[in-house]
Amino acid sequence: MKLAQIMTVVFVACVLVSAVPASAATMNYKLGVQSGTTSDTYAADELANAEVSGFDSIDLAIEALKQGDVDFVLGDLPTLKFYQADSDGLSIAGSFSEEDFGIGVAPGEADLLAAINVALGEIIASGEYDTIFAATFGDEIVVLTDDTDANTATEYPADPTGALAAALEAGTIAFGTDPYYPPFESYDTDNTTVIGFDADVADAIAAKIGAAYNNSDFSATMVEKTWDDLLAFGYDNYDATLSAMTKTAQRAENTDFSRAYYSSKQGILASAASPTITGVGDLNGTYDIADAETEEDDSPSITVLASALAIGLIAVSRRKN
């Protein structure tokens, strides 16, 4: 073999070696959600390739994001915006899936459902709803879904029965809520009173019901429950569920929902270390990652072997010539 031929072979070998990518490793997206939420359901149904971790509360999911244990957190957009504003380095990476929140009552409690629906209608029509909304969400634009139909009550029951009658006798309507989901519900600085958008809506509903039945002292009580408790729809020591609960067909099999009292979307929360995405659809794929650190050994690399081969071939050619 002539020197020119040998050098050609060596050149081609080196080009091939240099063409090997430094890293071809990819990873599935790691997502954090609050267990049992619509974001959890969405991830299970639409993002089968993602690695989804369910947490007992949204703040635990967000802490996992800050620690780098998940790439993104999915949740209700207003709540993710609340945490974004409260923490440096977090950002909203997108939104998806419109949804409506409803107030749940036990199946068969038609009078209580009617009273809540009428009260909500009065609050919305009077403009009081806009004031309550602005107190929590500032100058954001509210586009509330009107999902009323011919079956939605327009008058308070004349002779209340069931849970409504019991609430009127007790002087309060008890709303079950998971008070760890700001800005919808959370405890005040003294950790004694539930505050937030849902608490304000509850007070407004109680005021309307009280006025309708000439009971100026009628009030709302927020009863702490876990999210799992609320999803069991037991209504053991509370009259209705008011806790940023999305109205879904599956949940409607176990509870009766009021008309929508809030409309929004789900969102994607990212940290500074999160991969770059263009939308929720990306989360069903993979993304490139850097080479993992490997333990050092004494084995020569491919490039070193190629160089040694080149030197050897040149030496051989010299001897032959």
C-alpha atoms as a PDB file:
ATOM      1  CA  MET A   1       0.000   0.000   0.000  1.00  0.00           C
ATOM      2  CA  LYS A   2       1.375   3.399  -0.941  1.00  0.00           C
ATOM      3  CA  LEU A   3       1.651   6.255   1.513  1.00  0.00           C
ATOM      4  CA  ALA A   4      -1.011   8.292  -0.279  1.00  0.00           C
ATOM      5  CA  GLN A   5      -3.488   5.387  -0.045  1.00  0.00           C
ATOM      6  CA  ILE A   6      -2.702   4.836   3.635  1.00  0.00           C
ATOM      7  CA  MET A   7      -3.232   8.501   4.411  1.00  0.00           C
ATOM      8  CA  THR A   8      -6.579   8.415   2.617  1.00  0.00           C
ATOM      9  CA  VAL A   9      -7.716   5.472   4.728  1.00  0.00           C
ATOM     10  CA  VAL A  10      -6.595   7.200   7.911  1.00  0.00           C
ATOM     11  CA  PHE A  11      -8.356  10.441   6.918  1.00  0.00           C
ATOM     12  CA  VAL A  12     -11.634   8.625   6.270  1.00  0.00           C
ATOM     13  CA  ALA A  13     -11.333   6.783   9.603  1.00  0.00           C
ATOM     14  CA  CYS A  14     -10.794  10.032  11.470  1.00  0.00           C
ATOM     15  CA  VAL A  15     -13.759  11.672   9.743  1.00  0.00           C
ATOM     16  CA  LEU A  16     -15.960   8.745  10.746  1.00  0.00           C
ATOM     17  CA  VAL A  17     -14.768   8.931  14.344  1.00  0.00           C
ATOM     18  CA  SER A  18     -15.379  12.670  14.519  1.00  0.00           C
ATOM     19  CA  ALA A  19     -18.896  12.163  13.118  1.00  0.00           C
ATOM     20  CA  VAL A  20     -19.966  10.088  16.134  1.00  0.00           C
ATOM     21  CA  PRO A  21     -22.215  12.386  18.230  1.00  0.00           C
ATOM     22  CA  ALA A  22     -20.986  13.361  21.660  1.00  0.00           C
ATOM     23  CA  SER A  23     -24.300  12.356  23.159  1.00  0.00           C
ATOM     24  CA  ALA A  24     -27.404  10.636  21.814  1.00  0.00           C
ATOM     25  CA  ALA A  25     -29.028  10.232  25.230  1.00  0.00           C
ATOM     26  CA  THR A  26     -32.611  11.379  25.742  1.00  0.00           C
ATOM     27  CA  MET A  27     -34.936  11.500  28.732  1.00  0.00           C
ATOM     28  CA  ASN A  28     -38.685  11.466  29.226  1.00  0.00           C
ATOM     29  CA  TYR A  29     -40.141  14.618  30.753  1.00  0.00           C
ATOM     30  CA  LYS A  30     -40.689  14.401  34.511  1.00  0.00           C
ATOM     31  CA  LEU A  31     -43.932  16.041  35.623  1.00  0.00           C
ATOM     32  CA  GLY A  32     -45.298  16.894  39.056  1.00  0.00           C
ATOM     33  CA  VAL A  33     -49.037  17.117  39.745  1.00  0.00           C
ATOM     34  CA  GLN A  34     -51.324  17.161  42.746  1.00  0.00           C
ATOM     35  CA  SER A  35     -52.823  13.675  42.930  1.00  0.00           C
ATOM     36  CA  GLY A  36     -56.473  13.385  41.972  1.00  0.00           C
ATOM     37  CA  THR A  37     -56.650  16.695  40.106  1.00  0.00           C
ATOM     38  CA  THR A  38     -57.649  17.246  36.500  1.00  0.00           C
ATOM     39  CA  SER A  39     -53.967  17.834  35.715  1.00  0.00           C
ATOM     40  CA  ASP A  40     -53.238  14.363  37.059  1.00  0.00           C
ATOM     41  CA  THR A  41     -56.005  12.940  34.877  1.00  0.00           C
ATOM     42  CA  TYR A  42     -54.806  14.865  31.818  1.00  0.00           C
ATOM     43  CA  ALA A  43     -51.252  13.605  32.227  1.00  0.00           C
ATOM     44  CA  ALA A  44     -52.465  10.007  32.533  1.00  0.00           C
ATOM     45  CA  ASP A  45     -54.720  10.271  29.469  1.00  0.00           C
ATOM     46  CA  GLU A  46     -52.660  12.483  27.150  1.00  0.00           C
ATOM     47  CA  LEU A  47     -49.000  12.267  28.230  1.00  0.00           C
ATOM     48  CA  ALA A  48     -48.386   8.524  28.424  1.00  0.00           C
ATOM     49  CA  ASN A  49     -44.642   8.896  27.744  1.00  0.00           C
ATOM     50  CA  ALA A  50     -44.041  11.332  30.602  1.00  0.00           C
ATOM     51  CA  GLU A  51     -42.893  10.281  34.061  1.00  0.00           C
ATOM     52  CA  VAL A  52     -45.627  11.639  36.333  1.00  0.00           C
ATOM     53  CA  SER A  53     -45.216  12.036  40.096  1.00  0.00           C
ATOM     54  CA  GLY A  54     -48.338  12.671  42.178  1.00  0.00           C
ATOM     55  CA  PHE A  55     -48.071  14.779  45.345  1.00  0.00           C
ATOM     56  CA  ASP A  56     -50.500  15.265  48.220  1.00  0.00           C
ATOM     57  CA  SER A  57     -50.523  19.035  47.708  1.00  0.00           C
ATOM     58  CA  ILE A  58     -49.564  21.519  45.016  1.00  0.00           C
ATOM     59  CA  ASP A  59     -46.881  23.146  47.172  1.00  0.00           C
ATOM     60  CA  LEU A  60     -45.077  19.803  47.496  1.00  0.00           C
ATOM     61  CA  ALA A  61     -45.108  19.431  43.709  1.00  0.00           C
ATOM     62  CA  ILE A  62     -43.667  22.917  43.301  1.00  0.00           C
ATOM     63  CA  GLU A  63     -40.985  22.233  45.896  1.00  0.00           C
ATOM     64  CA  ALA A  64     -39.983  19.175  43.847  1.00  0.00           C
ATOM     65  CA  LEU A  65     -39.678  21.462  40.821  1.00  0.00           C
ATOM     66  CA  LYS A  66     -37.420  23.831  42.742  1.00  0.00           C
ATOM     67  CA  GLN A  67     -35.249  20.907  43.852  1.00  0.00           C
ATOM     68  CA  GLY A  68     -34.938  19.580  40.289  1.00  0.00           C
ATOM     69  CA  ASP A  69     -36.830  16.357  40.993  1.00  0.00           C
ATOM     70  CA  VAL A  70     -39.360  17.154  38.241  1.00  0.00           C
ATOM     71  CA  ASP A  71     -39.016  19.202  35.054  1.00  0.00           C
ATOM     72  CA  PHE A  72     -42.436  20.865  35.177  1.00  0.00           C
ATOM     73  CA  VAL A  73     -45.537  21.114  37.358  1.00  0.00           C
ATOM     74  CA  LEU A  74     -49.033  20.967  35.872  1.00  0.00           C
ATOM     75  CA  GLY A  75     -51.927  22.629  37.681  1.00  0.00           C
ATOM     76  CA  ASP A  76     -54.614  25.293  37.583  1.00  0.00           C
ATOM     77  CA  LEU A  77     -53.124  28.331  35.875  1.00  0.00           C
ATOM     78  CA  PRO A  78     -54.081  30.917  38.564  1.00  0.00           C
ATOM     79  CA  THR A  79     -52.467  28.828  41.296  1.00  0.00           C
ATOM     80  CA  LEU A  80     -49.279  28.351  39.279  1.00  0.00           C
ATOM     81  CA  LYS A  81     -49.185  32.115  38.657  1.00  0.00           C
ATOM     82  CA  PHE A  82     -49.486  32.666  42.405  1.00  0.00           C
ATOM     83  CA  TYR A  83     -46.422  30.512  43.083  1.00  0.00           C
ATOM     84  CA  GLN A  84     -44.538  32.054  40.153  1.00  0.00           C
ATOM     85  CA  ALA A  85     -45.008  35.534  41.599  1.00  0.00           C
ATOM     86  CA  ASP A  86     -43.886  34.285  45.011  1.00  0.00           C
ATOM     87  CA  SER A  87     -40.682  32.557  43.882  1.00  0.00           C
ATOM     88  CA  ASP A  88     -37.707  33.702  41.812  1.00  0.00           C
ATOM     89  CA  GLY A  89     -36.728  31.499  38.895  1.00  0.00           C
ATOM     90  CA  LEU A  90     -40.192  30.075  38.177  1.00  0.00           C
ATOM     91  CA  SER A  91     -42.102  30.852  34.989  1.00  0.00           C
ATOM     92  CA  ILE A  92     -45.256  29.853  33.148  1.00  0.00           C
ATOM     93  CA  ALA A  93     -44.272  27.690  30.173  1.00  0.00           C
ATOM     94  CA  GLY A  94     -47.740  27.378  28.643  1.00  0.00           C
ATOM     95  CA  SER A  95     -51.422  26.707  29.222  1.00  0.00           C
ATOM     96  CA  PHE A  96     -53.939  24.165  28.005  1.00  0.00           C
ATOM     97  CA  SER A  97     -57.362  22.579  28.579  1.00  0.00           C
ATOM     98  CA  GLU A  98     -60.117  25.060  29.499  1.00  0.00           C
ATOM     99  CA  GLU A  99     -62.120  24.151  32.604  1.00  0.00           C
ATOM    100  CA  ASP A 100     -64.959  25.387  34.809  1.00  0.00           C
ATOM    101  CA  PHE A 101     -65.194  25.189  38.604  1.00  0.00           C
ATOM    102  CA  GLY A 102     -68.433  24.287  40.328  1.00  0.00           C
ATOM    103  CA  ILE A 103     -69.824  24.018  43.863  1.00  0.00           C
ATOM    104  CA  GLY A 104     -70.773  20.444  44.718  1.00  0.00           C
ATOM    105  CA  VAL A 105     -73.701  19.248  46.825  1.00  0.00           C
ATOM    106  CA  ALA A 106     -74.781  15.739  47.747  1.00  0.00           C
ATOM    107  CA  PRO A 107     -77.008  14.066  45.137  1.00  0.00           C
ATOM    108  CA  GLY A 108     -80.668  14.654  45.919  1.00  0.00           C
ATOM    109  CA  GLU A 109     -80.128  17.943  47.771  1.00  0.00           C
ATOM    110  CA  ALA A 110     -82.155  19.845  45.197  1.00  0.00           C
ATOM    111  CA  ASP A 111     -83.147  22.721  47.490  1.00  0.00           C
ATOM    112  CA  LEU A 112     -79.570  23.453  48.547  1.00  0.00           C
ATOM    113  CA  LEU A 113     -78.391  23.309  44.932  1.00  0.00           C
ATOM    114  CA  ALA A 114     -81.207  25.639  43.885  1.00  0.00           C
ATOM    115  CA  ALA A 115     -80.373  28.190  46.589  1.00  0.00           C
ATOM    116  CA  ILE A 116     -76.680  28.185  45.658  1.00  0.00           C
ATOM    117  CA  ASN A 117     -77.472  28.610  41.961  1.00  0.00           C
ATOM    118  CA  VAL A 118     -79.868  31.485  42.574  1.00  0.00           C
ATOM    119  CA  ALA A 119     -77.363  33.175  44.879  1.00  0.00           C
ATOM    120  CA  LEU A 120     -74.604  32.834  42.290  1.00  0.00           C
ATOM    121  CA  GLY A 121     -76.899  34.274  39.626  1.00  0.00           C
ATOM    122  CA  GLU A 122     -77.614  37.318  41.784  1.00  0.00           C
ATOM    123  CA  ILE A 123     -73.924  37.828  42.582  1.00  0.00           C
ATOM    124  CA  ILE A 124     -72.988  37.672  38.898  1.00  0.00           C
ATOM    125  CA  ALA A 125     -75.849  39.858  37.661  1.00  0.00           C
ATOM    126  CA  SER A 126     -75.253  42.585  40.243  1.00  0.00           C
ATOM    127  CA  GLY A 127     -71.556  42.980  39.425  1.00  0.00           C
ATOM    128  CA  GLU A 128     -70.528  41.789  42.875  1.00  0.00           C
ATOM    129  CA  TYR A 129     -68.788  38.834  41.249  1.00  0.00           C
ATOM    130  CA  ASP A 130     -66.493  41.201  39.331  1.00  0.00           C
ATOM    131  CA  THR A 131     -65.542  42.941  42.582  1.00  0.00           C
ATOM    132  CA  ILE A 132     -64.762  39.626  44.287  1.00  0.00           C
ATOM    133  CA  PHE A 133     -62.773  38.496  41.263  1.00  0.00           C
ATOM    134  CA  ALA A 134     -60.730  41.717  41.141  1.00  0.00           C
ATOM    135  CA  ALA A 135     -59.868  41.438  44.840  1.00  0.00           C
ATOM    136  CA  THR A 136     -58.013  38.177  44.117  1.00  0.00           C
ATOM    137  CA  PHE A 137     -56.943  38.364  40.491  1.00  0.00           C
ATOM    138  CA  GLY A 138     -56.444  42.092  39.993  1.00  0.00           C
ATOM    139  CA  ASP A 139     -56.958  43.397  36.475  1.00  0.00           C
ATOM    140  CA  GLU A 140     -57.141  39.994  34.794  1.00  0.00           C
ATOM    141  CA  ILE A 141     -60.128  39.677  32.484  1.00  0.00           C
ATOM    142  CA  VAL A 142     -62.857  37.333  33.696  1.00  0.00           C
ATOM    143  CA  VAL A 143     -64.731  35.358  31.049  1.00  0.00           C
ATOM    144  CA  LEU A 144     -67.079  33.230  33.127  1.00  0.00           C
ATOM    145  CA  THR A 145     -68.778  30.339  31.353  1.00  0.00           C
ATOM    146  CA  ASP A 146     -72.567  30.526  31.484  1.00  0.00           C
ATOM    147  CA  ASP A 147     -73.505  26.856  31.640  1.00  0.00           C
ATOM    148  CA  THR A 148     -77.024  27.385  33.008  1.00  0.00           C
ATOM    149  CA  ASP A 149     -79.906  25.588  31.340  1.00  0.00           C
ATOM    150  CA  ALA A 150     -83.654  25.135  31.740  1.00  0.00           C
ATOM    151  CA  ASN A 151     -83.074  23.075  34.888  1.00  0.00           C
ATOM    152  CA  THR A 152     -81.050  25.762  36.669  1.00  0.00           C
ATOM    153  CA  ALA A 153     -83.151  27.310  39.436  1.00  0.00           C
ATOM    154  CA  THR A 154     -84.068  30.987  39.235  1.00  0.00           C
ATOM    155  CA  GLU A 155     -85.986  31.244  42.530  1.00  0.00           C
ATOM    156  CA  TYR A 156     -85.165  30.231  46.088  1.00  0.00           C
ATOM    157  CA  PRO A 157     -87.172  27.221  47.367  1.00  0.00           C
ATOM    158  CA  ALA A 158     -90.281  28.475  49.184  1.00  0.00           C
ATOM    159  CA  ASP A 159     -90.263  25.683  51.764  1.00  0.00           C
ATOM    160  CA  PRO A 160     -86.637  24.576  52.231  1.00  0.00           C
ATOM    161  CA  THR A 161     -85.946  20.927  52.940  1.00  0.00           C
ATOM    162  CA  GLY A 162     -82.916  18.741  53.546  1.00  0.00           C
ATOM    163  CA  ALA A 163     -79.486  20.285  53.911  1.00  0.00           C
ATOM    164  CA  LEU A 164     -80.739  23.788  53.120  1.00  0.00           C
ATOM    165  CA  ALA A 165     -83.307  23.653  55.916  1.00  0.00           C
ATOM    166  CA  ALA A 166     -80.696  22.327  58.336  1.00  0.00           C
ATOM    167  CA  ALA A 167     -78.236  25.066  57.365  1.00  0.00           C
ATOM    168  CA  LEU A 168     -80.844  27.787  57.865  1.00  0.00           C
ATOM    169  CA  GLU A 169     -81.678  26.395  61.284  1.00  0.00           C
ATOM    170  CA  ALA A 170     -77.971  26.246  62.233  1.00  0.00           C
ATOM    171  CA  GLY A 171     -77.406  29.784  60.972  1.00  0.00           C
ATOM    172  CA  THR A 172     -74.531  28.807  58.700  1.00  0.00           C
ATOM    173  CA  ILE A 173     -73.787  26.965  55.474  1.00  0.00           C
ATOM    174  CA  ALA A 174     -70.674  24.794  55.791  1.00  0.00           C
ATOM    175  CA  PHE A 175     -68.393  24.538  52.764  1.00  0.00           C
ATOM    176  CA  GLY A 176     -65.781  21.770  52.633  1.00  0.00           C
ATOM    177  CA  THR A 177     -62.454  23.029  51.294  1.00  0.00           C
ATOM    178  CA  ASP A 178     -58.801  22.006  51.022  1.00  0.00           C
ATOM    179  CA  PRO A 179     -57.242  25.227  52.336  1.00  0.00           C
ATOM    180  CA  TYR A 180     -53.801  24.801  50.812  1.00  0.00           C
ATOM    181  CA  TYR A 181     -54.492  25.962  47.273  1.00  0.00           C
ATOM    182  CA  PRO A 182     -53.880  29.716  46.953  1.00  0.00           C
ATOM    183  CA  PRO A 183     -55.193  32.045  45.705  1.00  0.00           C
ATOM    184  CA  PHE A 184     -58.487  30.131  45.912  1.00  0.00           C
ATOM    185  CA  GLU A 185     -58.165  29.070  49.543  1.00  0.00           C
ATOM    186  CA  SER A 186     -55.465  29.276  52.181  1.00  0.00           C
ATOM    187  CA  TYR A 187     -55.096  30.218  55.830  1.00  0.00           C
ATOM    188  CA  ASP A 188     -54.373  33.768  56.914  1.00  0.00           C
ATOM    189  CA  THR A 189     -51.141  34.706  58.663  1.00  0.00           C
ATOM    190  CA  ASP A 190     -52.605  33.616  61.993  1.00  0.00           C
ATOM    191  CA  ASN A 191     -53.446  30.206  60.502  1.00  0.00           C
ATOM    192  CA  THR A 192     -56.991  30.461  61.815  1.00  0.00           C
ATOM    193  CA  THR A 193     -59.196  31.824  59.035  1.00  0.00           C
ATOM    194  CA  VAL A 194     -59.561  30.538  55.471  1.00  0.00           C
ATOM    195  CA  ILE A 195     -59.129  33.351  52.974  1.00  0.00           C
ATOM    196  CA  GLY A 196     -59.054  33.615  49.188  1.00  0.00           C
ATOM    197  CA  PHE A 197     -61.382  33.741  46.215  1.00  0.00           C
ATOM    198  CA  ASP A 198     -63.473  30.722  47.254  1.00  0.00           C
ATOM    199  CA  ALA A 199     -63.895  32.049  50.798  1.00  0.00           C
ATOM    200  CA  ASP A 200     -65.116  35.382  49.409  1.00  0.00           C
ATOM    201  CA  VAL A 201     -67.570  33.609  47.106  1.00  0.00           C
ATOM    202  CA  ALA A 202     -68.801  31.550  50.061  1.00  0.00           C
ATOM    203  CA  ASP A 203     -69.462  34.706  52.109  1.00  0.00           C
ATOM    204  CA  ALA A 204     -71.336  36.306  49.219  1.00  0.00           C
ATOM    205  CA  ILE A 205     -73.509  33.205  48.727  1.00  0.00           C
ATOM    206  CA  ALA A 206     -74.337  33.061  52.439  1.00  0.00           C
ATOM    207  CA  ALA A 207     -75.310  36.745  52.433  1.00  0.00           C
ATOM    208  CA  LYS A 208     -77.700  36.235  49.500  1.00  0.00           C
ATOM    209  CA  ILE A 209     -79.296  33.126  51.024  1.00  0.00           C
ATOM    210  CA  GLY A 210     -79.636  34.846  54.388  1.00  0.00           C
ATOM    211  CA  ALA A 211     -81.343  37.843  52.803  1.00  0.00           C
ATOM    212  CA  ALA A 212     -83.732  35.597  50.891  1.00  0.00           C
ATOM    213  CA  TYR A 213     -84.884  33.946  54.135  1.00  0.00           C
ATOM    214  CA  ASN A 214     -84.788  37.079  56.325  1.00  0.00           C
ATOM    215  CA  ASN A 215     -81.810  35.855  58.320  1.00  0.00           C
ATOM    216  CA  SER A 216     -79.253  38.647  58.446  1.00  0.00           C
ATOM    217  CA  ASP A 217     -76.964  36.592  60.698  1.00  0.00           C
ATOM    218  CA  PHE A 218     -76.673  33.710  58.240  1.00  0.00           C
ATOM    219  CA  SER A 219     -73.009  33.096  57.406  1.00  0.00           C
ATOM    220  CA  ALA A 220     -70.578  30.744  55.670  1.00  0.00           C
ATOM    221  CA  THR A 221     -68.197  28.377  57.450  1.00  0.00           C
ATOM    222  CA  MET A 222     -65.151  26.892  55.711  1.00  0.00           C
ATOM    223  CA  VAL A 223     -64.474  23.337  56.911  1.00  0.00           C
ATOM    224  CA  GLU A 224     -60.962  21.989  56.287  1.00  0.00           C
ATOM    225  CA  LYS A 225     -60.830  18.740  54.330  1.00  0.00           C
ATOM    226  CA  THR A 226     -58.100  16.955  52.412  1.00  0.00           C
ATOM    227  CA  TRP A 227     -58.455  16.768  48.662  1.00  0.00           C
ATOM    228  CA  ASP A 228     -59.033  13.020  48.933  1.00  0.00           C
ATOM    229  CA  ASP A 229     -61.833  13.669  51.444  1.00  0.00           C
ATOM    230  CA  LEU A 230     -63.515  16.043  49.028  1.00  0.00           C
ATOM    231  CA  LEU A 231     -63.203  13.602  46.130  1.00  0.00           C
ATOM    232  CA  ALA A 232     -64.958  10.961  48.270  1.00  0.00           C
ATOM    233  CA  PHE A 233     -68.021  13.268  48.305  1.00  0.00           C
ATOM    234  CA  GLY A 234     -69.036  12.131  51.780  1.00  0.00           C
ATOM    235  CA  TYR A 235     -70.622  15.419  52.938  1.00  0.00           C
ATOM    236  CA  ASP A 236     -70.375  14.135  56.503  1.00  0.00           C
ATOM    237  CA  ASN A 237     -69.932  17.419  58.372  1.00  0.00           C
ATOM    238  CA  TYR A 238     -70.284  19.987  55.607  1.00  0.00           C
ATOM    239  CA  ASP A 239     -73.090  20.969  53.232  1.00  0.00           C
ATOM    240  CA  ALA A 240     -71.278  21.708  49.971  1.00  0.00           C
ATOM    241  CA  THR A 241     -67.840  21.559  48.342  1.00  0.00           C
ATOM    242  CA  LEU A 242     -66.223  24.886  47.470  1.00  0.00           C
ATOM    243  CA  SER A 243     -62.564  24.204  46.697  1.00  0.00           C
ATOM    244  CA  ALA A 244     -61.513  25.081  43.128  1.00  0.00           C
ATOM    245  CA  MET A 245     -63.064  21.823  41.925  1.00  0.00           C
ATOM    246  CA  THR A 246     -63.328  21.358  38.177  1.00  0.00           C
ATOM    247  CA  LYS A 247     -66.645  20.079  36.928  1.00  0.00           C
ATOM    248  CA  THR A 248     -66.065  16.749  35.189  1.00  0.00           C
ATOM    249  CA  ALA A 249     -68.425  14.018  34.029  1.00  0.00           C
ATOM    250  CA  GLN A 250     -66.723  11.494  36.302  1.00  0.00           C
ATOM    251  CA  ARG A 251     -67.159  13.657  39.400  1.00  0.00           C
ATOM    252  CA  ALA A 252     -70.738  14.459  38.415  1.00  0.00           C
ATOM    253  CA  GLU A 253     -71.548  10.772  38.902  1.00  0.00           C
ATOM    254  CA  ASN A 254     -71.062  11.268  42.655  1.00  0.00           C
ATOM    255  CA  THR A 255     -72.069  14.873  43.252  1.00  0.00           C
ATOM    256  CA  ASP A 256     -74.369  17.536  41.809  1.00  0.00           C
ATOM    257  CA  PHE A 257     -72.588  20.654  40.598  1.00  0.00           C
ATOM    258  CA  SER A 258     -73.794  24.225  40.620  1.00  0.00           C
ATOM    259  CA  ARG A 259     -73.453  26.529  37.652  1.00  0.00           C
ATOM    260  CA  ALA A 260     -69.846  27.530  36.943  1.00  0.00           C
ATOM    261  CA  TYR A 261     -68.440  30.103  39.347  1.00  0.00           C
ATOM    262  CA  TYR A 262     -64.950  30.281  37.811  1.00  0.00           C
ATOM    263  CA  SER A 263     -63.493  29.561  34.363  1.00  0.00           C
ATOM    264  CA  SER A 264     -59.832  29.169  33.557  1.00  0.00           C
ATOM    265  CA  LYS A 265     -57.183  26.873  32.071  1.00  0.00           C
ATOM    266  CA  GLN A 266     -54.557  24.490  33.302  1.00  0.00           C
ATOM    267  CA  GLY A 267     -50.964  25.631  33.137  1.00  0.00           C
ATOM    268  CA  ILE A 268     -47.347  24.471  33.015  1.00  0.00           C
ATOM    269  CA  LEU A 269     -44.882  25.807  35.590  1.00  0.00           C
ATOM    270  CA  ALA A 270     -41.159  25.680  34.816  1.00  0.00           C
ATOM    271  CA  SER A 271     -37.958  26.430  36.682  1.00  0.00           C
ATOM    272  CA  ALA A 272     -34.786  28.007  35.308  1.00  0.00           C
ATOM    273  CA  ALA A 273     -33.377  24.490  34.843  1.00  0.00           C
ATOM    274  CA  SER A 274     -36.400  23.134  32.952  1.00  0.00           C
ATOM    275  CA  PRO A 275     -36.015  22.055  29.319  1.00  0.00           C
ATOM    276  CA  THR A 276     -37.360  24.423  26.667  1.00  0.00           C
ATOM    277  CA  ILE A 277     -40.800  23.480  25.315  1.00  0.00           C
ATOM    278  CA  THR A 278     -43.226  25.028  22.835  1.00  0.00           C
ATOM    279  CA  GLY A 279     -46.409  23.623  24.366  1.00  0.00           C
ATOM    280  CA  VAL A 280     -48.032  20.836  26.325  1.00  0.00           C
ATOM    281  CA  GLY A 281     -47.680  18.423  23.380  1.00  0.00           C
ATOM    282  CA  ASP A 282     -43.908  18.412  23.792  1.00  0.00           C
ATOM    283  CA  LEU A 283     -44.301  16.787  27.204  1.00  0.00           C
ATOM    284  CA  ASN A 284     -45.317  13.513  25.575  1.00  0.00           C
ATOM    285  CA  GLY A 285     -41.905  13.168  23.915  1.00  0.00           C
ATOM    286  CA  THR A 286     -38.287  13.194  25.056  1.00  0.00           C
ATOM    287  CA  TYR A 287     -35.510  15.746  25.276  1.00  0.00           C
ATOM    288  CA  ASP A 288     -31.744  15.554  24.866  1.00  0.00           C
ATOM    289  CA  ILE A 289     -29.553  15.412  27.936  1.00  0.00           C
ATOM    290  CA  ALA A 290     -25.802  15.769  28.422  1.00  0.00           C
ATOM    291  CA  ASP A 291     -23.571  12.722  28.811  1.00  0.00           C
ATOM    292  CA  ALA A 292     -23.729  11.296  32.290  1.00  0.00           C
ATOM    293  CA  GLU A 293     -20.446  11.342  34.150  1.00  0.00           C
ATOM    294  CA  THR A 294     -18.694   8.002  33.766  1.00  0.00           C
ATOM    295  CA  GLU A 295     -16.072   6.393  35.936  1.00  0.00           C
ATOM    296  CA  GLU A 296     -12.558   6.907  34.607  1.00  0.00           C
ATOM    297  CA  ASP A 297     -10.691   3.830  33.368  1.00  0.00           C
ATOM    298  CA  ASP A 298      -7.464   3.052  31.553  1.00  0.00           C
ATOM    299  CA  SER A 299      -9.088   2.002  28.268  1.00  0.00           C
ATOM    300  CA  PRO A 300      -7.916   4.053  25.274  1.00  0.00           C
ATOM    301  CA  SER A 301     -10.577   6.121  23.521  1.00  0.00           C
ATOM    302  CA  ILE A 302     -11.618   5.554  19.905  1.00  0.00           C
ATOM    303  CA  THR A 303      -9.800   8.720  18.884  1.00  0.00           C
ATOM    304  CA  VAL A 304      -6.576   7.555  20.552  1.00  0.00           C
ATOM    305  CA  LEU A 305      -6.845   4.164  18.864  1.00  0.00           C
ATOM    306  CA  ALA A 306      -7.402   5.824  15.509  1.00  0.00           C
ATOM    307  CA  SER A 307      -4.342   8.010  16.023  1.00  0.00           C
ATOM    308  CA  ALA A 308      -2.232   5.014  17.001  1.00  0.00           C
ATOM    309  CA  LEU A 309      -3.466   3.136  13.949  1.00  0.00           C
ATOM    310  CA  ALA A 310      -2.514   6.053  11.727  1.00  0.00           C
ATOM    311  CA  ILE A 311       0.995   6.243  13.197  1.00  0.00           C
ATOM    312  CA  GLY A 312       1.438   2.479  12.812  1.00  0.00           C
ATOM    313  CA  LEU A 313       0.325   2.487   9.189  1.00  0.00           C
ATOM    314  CA  ILE A 314       2.634   5.350   8.363  1.00  0.00           C
ATOM    315  CA  ALA A 315       5.534   3.511   9.969  1.00  0.00           C
ATOM    316  CA  VAL A 316       4.724   0.378   7.962  1.00  0.00           C
ATOM    317  CA  SER A 317       4.585   2.343   4.734  1.00  0.00           C
ATOM    318  CA  ARG A 318       7.920   3.867   5.483  1.00  0.00           C
ATOM    319  CA  ARG A 319       9.488   0.460   6.025  1.00  0.00           C
ATOM    320  CA  LYS A 320       8.011  -0.851   2.809  1.00  0.00           C
ATOM    321  CA  ASN A 321       9.354   2.083   0.898  1.00  0.00           C
END
